[in-house]
Amino acid sequence: MKKSLGGLVFVSLSALSLTAAGACYPYDYAQIQLKGEVVVKAPAELPKGAGVHRNPKEKHTFLKLNPPICTSAGTNSYESAETNQAEITLYTLKDTGLGRYAGKHVSVSGVLMHSFTSDAHTPLQFVVHDIAESSK
């Protein structure tokens, strides 16, 4: 079932008010909107401690956020609170060609989750529902 435009506007405004007020995002699996720069890296380019990947040459897509975000702890054991998250792993459930946005500023809508797989390489991951170029 598709959400109404009014519902999406409400969710987007709620997300903006969360960050403006300094509150942290909850793990409620609601669709939110974030802005940042898309960065594509291979696991070899990731910081030490990011985990060992099964394919070290496979490129991954990240969203570099400014300002950083935080999350409040969730009900699942892996949903720990995170602070000062300036980069999150992007995933997509459909082939949207995230790599074509590399180096560009974008607005993404989707669902923010805590990473529970080693392939994420960041504490937070974002399942992209929609992506579009935007201004800073």
C-alpha atoms as a PDB file:
ATOM      1  CA  MET A   1       0.000   0.000   0.000  1.00  0.00           C
ATOM      2  CA  LYS A   2       1.432   3.387  -0.973  1.00  0.00           C
ATOM      3  CA  LYS A   3       1.556   6.180   1.546  1.00  0.00           C
ATOM      4  CA  SER A   4      -0.203   9.389   0.679  1.00  0.00           C
ATOM      5  CA  LEU A   5       1.805  12.456  -0.301  1.00  0.00           C
ATOM      6  CA  GLY A   6       0.671  14.118   2.916  1.00  0.00           C
ATOM      7  CA  GLY A   7       2.053  11.222   4.940  1.00  0.00           C
ATOM      8  CA  LEU A   8       5.409  11.434   3.172  1.00  0.00           C
ATOM      9  CA  VAL A   9       5.576  15.179   3.761  1.00  0.00           C
ATOM     10  CA  PHE A  10       4.796  14.589   7.449  1.00  0.00           C
ATOM     11  CA  VAL A  11       7.535  11.942   7.733  1.00  0.00           C
ATOM     12  CA  SER A  12      10.033  14.218   5.961  1.00  0.00           C
ATOM     13  CA  LEU A  13       9.173  17.164   8.198  1.00  0.00           C
ATOM     14  CA  SER A  14       9.384  14.922  11.271  1.00  0.00           C
ATOM     15  CA  ALA A  15      12.855  13.789  10.229  1.00  0.00           C
ATOM     16  CA  LEU A  16      13.969  17.385   9.698  1.00  0.00           C
ATOM     17  CA  SER A  17      12.628  18.424  13.092  1.00  0.00           C
ATOM     18  CA  LEU A  18      14.437  15.488  14.747  1.00  0.00           C
ATOM     19  CA  THR A  19      17.821  16.626  13.501  1.00  0.00           C
ATOM     20  CA  ALA A  20      17.093  20.310  13.982  1.00  0.00           C
ATOM     21  CA  ALA A  21      16.156  19.698  17.613  1.00  0.00           C
ATOM     22  CA  GLY A  22      19.209  17.493  18.163  1.00  0.00           C
ATOM     23  CA  ALA A  23      17.150  14.363  18.922  1.00  0.00           C
ATOM     24  CA  CYS A  24      18.350  10.999  17.691  1.00  0.00           C
ATOM     25  CA  TYR A  25      16.566   8.826  15.158  1.00  0.00           C
ATOM     26  CA  PRO A  26      14.723   5.807  16.603  1.00  0.00           C
ATOM     27  CA  TYR A  27      14.872   2.368  14.973  1.00  0.00           C
ATOM     28  CA  ASP A  28      11.190   2.448  14.074  1.00  0.00           C
ATOM     29  CA  TYR A  29      11.620   1.396  10.418  1.00  0.00           C
ATOM     30  CA  ALA A  30       9.686   4.455   9.258  1.00  0.00           C
ATOM     31  CA  GLN A  31      10.697   6.076   5.988  1.00  0.00           C
ATOM     32  CA  ILE A  32      12.874   9.163   6.492  1.00  0.00           C
ATOM     33  CA  GLN A  33      14.844  11.510   4.262  1.00  0.00           C
ATOM     34  CA  LEU A  34      18.583  12.247   4.537  1.00  0.00           C
ATOM     35  CA  LYS A  35      20.946  14.405   2.489  1.00  0.00           C
ATOM     36  CA  GLY A  36      24.631  13.959   1.837  1.00  0.00           C
ATOM     37  CA  GLU A  37      27.328  13.069  -0.657  1.00  0.00           C
ATOM     38  CA  VAL A  38      27.535   9.611  -2.215  1.00  0.00           C
ATOM     39  CA  VAL A  39      30.941   7.926  -1.861  1.00  0.00           C
ATOM     40  CA  VAL A  40      31.891   4.601  -3.482  1.00  0.00           C
ATOM     41  CA  LYS A  41      34.743   2.583  -1.915  1.00  0.00           C
ATOM     42  CA  ALA A  42      36.191  -0.902  -2.012  1.00  0.00           C
ATOM     43  CA  PRO A  43      36.658  -2.676   1.358  1.00  0.00           C
ATOM     44  CA  ALA A  44      40.438  -2.149   1.057  1.00  0.00           C
ATOM     45  CA  GLU A  45      39.784   1.632   1.229  1.00  0.00           C
ATOM     46  CA  LEU A  46      37.732   1.365   4.429  1.00  0.00           C
ATOM     47  CA  PRO A  47      39.140   2.195   7.883  1.00  0.00           C
ATOM     48  CA  LYS A  48      40.916  -0.538   9.844  1.00  0.00           C
ATOM     49  CA  GLY A  49      38.454  -2.529  11.950  1.00  0.00           C
ATOM     50  CA  ALA A  50      35.676  -2.245   9.374  1.00  0.00           C
ATOM     51  CA  GLY A  51      35.607  -6.036   9.081  1.00  0.00           C
ATOM     52  CA  VAL A  52      36.845  -8.521   6.533  1.00  0.00           C
ATOM     53  CA  HIS A  53      34.736  -8.721   3.414  1.00  0.00           C
ATOM     54  CA  ARG A  54      34.237 -11.883   1.378  1.00  0.00           C
ATOM     55  CA  ASN A  55      35.113  -9.953  -1.814  1.00  0.00           C
ATOM     56  CA  PRO A  56      37.783  -7.275  -1.151  1.00  0.00           C
ATOM     57  CA  LYS A  57      37.362  -5.733  -4.635  1.00  0.00           C
ATOM     58  CA  GLU A  58      33.581  -5.302  -4.473  1.00  0.00           C
ATOM     59  CA  LYS A  59      32.614  -1.623  -4.314  1.00  0.00           C
ATOM     60  CA  HIS A  60      30.192  -0.367  -1.655  1.00  0.00           C
ATOM     61  CA  THR A  61      28.163   2.831  -1.614  1.00  0.00           C
ATOM     62  CA  PHE A  62      28.087   5.178   1.379  1.00  0.00           C
ATOM     63  CA  LEU A  63      26.311   8.414   2.245  1.00  0.00           C
ATOM     64  CA  LYS A  64      28.593  11.034   3.774  1.00  0.00           C
ATOM     65  CA  LEU A  65      26.374  13.112   6.060  1.00  0.00           C
ATOM     66  CA  ASN A  66      26.847  16.705   7.173  1.00  0.00           C
ATOM     67  CA  PRO A  67      25.859  17.170   9.928  1.00  0.00           C
ATOM     68  CA  PRO A  68      26.346  13.709  11.456  1.00  0.00           C
ATOM     69  CA  ILE A  69      23.341  11.886  12.907  1.00  0.00           C
ATOM     70  CA  CYS A  70      22.700   9.749  15.974  1.00  0.00           C
ATOM     71  CA  THR A  71      20.297   6.956  16.886  1.00  0.00           C
ATOM     72  CA  SER A  72      18.662   5.949  20.140  1.00  0.00           C
ATOM     73  CA  ALA A  73      18.906   2.318  21.284  1.00  0.00           C
ATOM     74  CA  GLY A  74      16.240   0.002  19.881  1.00  0.00           C
ATOM     75  CA  THR A  75      14.479  -3.051  21.223  1.00  0.00           C
ATOM     76  CA  ASN A  76      16.588  -5.583  19.282  1.00  0.00           C
ATOM     77  CA  SER A  77      19.916  -6.578  20.837  1.00  0.00           C
ATOM     78  CA  TYR A  78      21.897  -5.300  17.831  1.00  0.00           C
ATOM     79  CA  GLU A  79      20.170  -1.879  17.766  1.00  0.00           C
ATOM     80  CA  SER A  80      22.614   0.020  19.950  1.00  0.00           C
ATOM     81  CA  ALA A  81      22.636   3.778  20.248  1.00  0.00           C
ATOM     82  CA  GLU A  82      25.083   5.478  17.883  1.00  0.00           C
ATOM     83  CA  THR A  83      26.463   9.000  18.018  1.00  0.00           C
ATOM     84  CA  ASN A  84      28.288  11.205  15.542  1.00  0.00           C
ATOM     85  CA  GLN A  85      27.603   9.000  12.506  1.00  0.00           C
ATOM     86  CA  ALA A  86      29.016  10.928   9.559  1.00  0.00           C
ATOM     87  CA  GLU A  87      28.922   8.034   7.070  1.00  0.00           C
ATOM     88  CA  ILE A  88      26.365   5.271   6.573  1.00  0.00           C
ATOM     89  CA  THR A  89      26.185   2.298   4.207  1.00  0.00           C
ATOM     90  CA  LEU A  90      23.583   2.560   1.429  1.00  0.00           C
ATOM     91  CA  TYR A  91      21.626  -0.466   0.237  1.00  0.00           C
ATOM     92  CA  THR A  92      18.885  -0.760  -2.315  1.00  0.00           C
ATOM     93  CA  LEU A  93      16.194  -3.364  -2.791  1.00  0.00           C
ATOM     94  CA  LYS A  94      15.986  -2.586  -6.501  1.00  0.00           C
ATOM     95  CA  ASP A  95      18.599  -1.763  -9.103  1.00  0.00           C
ATOM     96  CA  THR A  96      18.827   2.023  -8.823  1.00  0.00           C
ATOM     97  CA  GLY A  97      22.468   2.323  -9.902  1.00  0.00           C
ATOM     98  CA  LEU A  98      23.707   4.069  -6.758  1.00  0.00           C
ATOM     99  CA  GLY A  99      27.235   4.237  -8.206  1.00  0.00           C
ATOM    100  CA  ARG A 100      26.167   6.804 -10.800  1.00  0.00           C
ATOM    101  CA  TYR A 101      25.671   9.272  -7.930  1.00  0.00           C
ATOM    102  CA  ALA A 102      29.302   8.974  -6.738  1.00  0.00           C
ATOM    103  CA  GLY A 103      30.658  12.391  -5.751  1.00  0.00           C
ATOM    104  CA  LYS A 104      27.223  14.014  -6.021  1.00  0.00           C
ATOM    105  CA  HIS A 105      25.031  15.520  -3.330  1.00  0.00           C
ATOM    106  CA  VAL A 106      21.764  13.650  -3.032  1.00  0.00           C
ATOM    107  CA  SER A 107      18.540  13.444  -1.113  1.00  0.00           C
ATOM    108  CA  VAL A 108      17.613   9.877  -0.217  1.00  0.00           C
ATOM    109  CA  SER A 109      14.426   8.529   1.269  1.00  0.00           C
ATOM    110  CA  GLY A 110      14.279   5.128   2.864  1.00  0.00           C
ATOM    111  CA  VAL A 111      14.672   3.233   6.120  1.00  0.00           C
ATOM    112  CA  LEU A 112      17.509   3.684   8.624  1.00  0.00           C
ATOM    113  CA  MET A 113      18.633   0.495  10.379  1.00  0.00           C
ATOM    114  CA  HIS A 114      21.462  -0.620  12.607  1.00  0.00           C
ATOM    115  CA  SER A 115      23.950  -2.807  10.753  1.00  0.00           C
ATOM    116  CA  PHE A 116      23.846  -6.447  11.670  1.00  0.00           C
ATOM    117  CA  THR A 117      26.020  -7.834   8.856  1.00  0.00           C
ATOM    118  CA  SER A 118      29.753  -7.415   8.301  1.00  0.00           C
ATOM    119  CA  ASP A 119      29.115  -6.229   4.734  1.00  0.00           C
ATOM    120  CA  ALA A 120      27.768  -2.902   5.993  1.00  0.00           C
ATOM    121  CA  HIS A 121      31.176  -1.598   7.218  1.00  0.00           C
ATOM    122  CA  THR A 122      29.433   1.179   9.163  1.00  0.00           C
ATOM    123  CA  PRO A 123      27.292   0.963  12.301  1.00  0.00           C
ATOM    124  CA  LEU A 124      24.262   2.270  10.394  1.00  0.00           C
ATOM    125  CA  GLN A 125      22.808   1.264   7.051  1.00  0.00           C
ATOM    126  CA  PHE A 126      20.127   2.905   4.968  1.00  0.00           C
ATOM    127  CA  VAL A 127      17.794   0.992   2.660  1.00  0.00           C
ATOM    128  CA  VAL A 128      17.206   3.412  -0.229  1.00  0.00           C
ATOM    129  CA  HIS A 129      13.684   3.658  -1.600  1.00  0.00           C
ATOM    130  CA  ASP A 130      14.329   6.781  -3.687  1.00  0.00           C
ATOM    131  CA  ILE A 131      17.357   8.912  -4.556  1.00  0.00           C
ATOM    132  CA  ALA A 132      17.750  12.213  -6.403  1.00  0.00           C
ATOM    133  CA  GLU A 133      20.483  14.783  -6.874  1.00  0.00           C
ATOM    134  CA  SER A 134      20.153  17.824  -4.633  1.00  0.00           C
ATOM    135  CA  SER A 135      21.989  20.956  -3.644  1.00  0.00           C
ATOM    136  CA  LYS A 136      24.142  21.006  -0.520  1.00  0.00           C
END
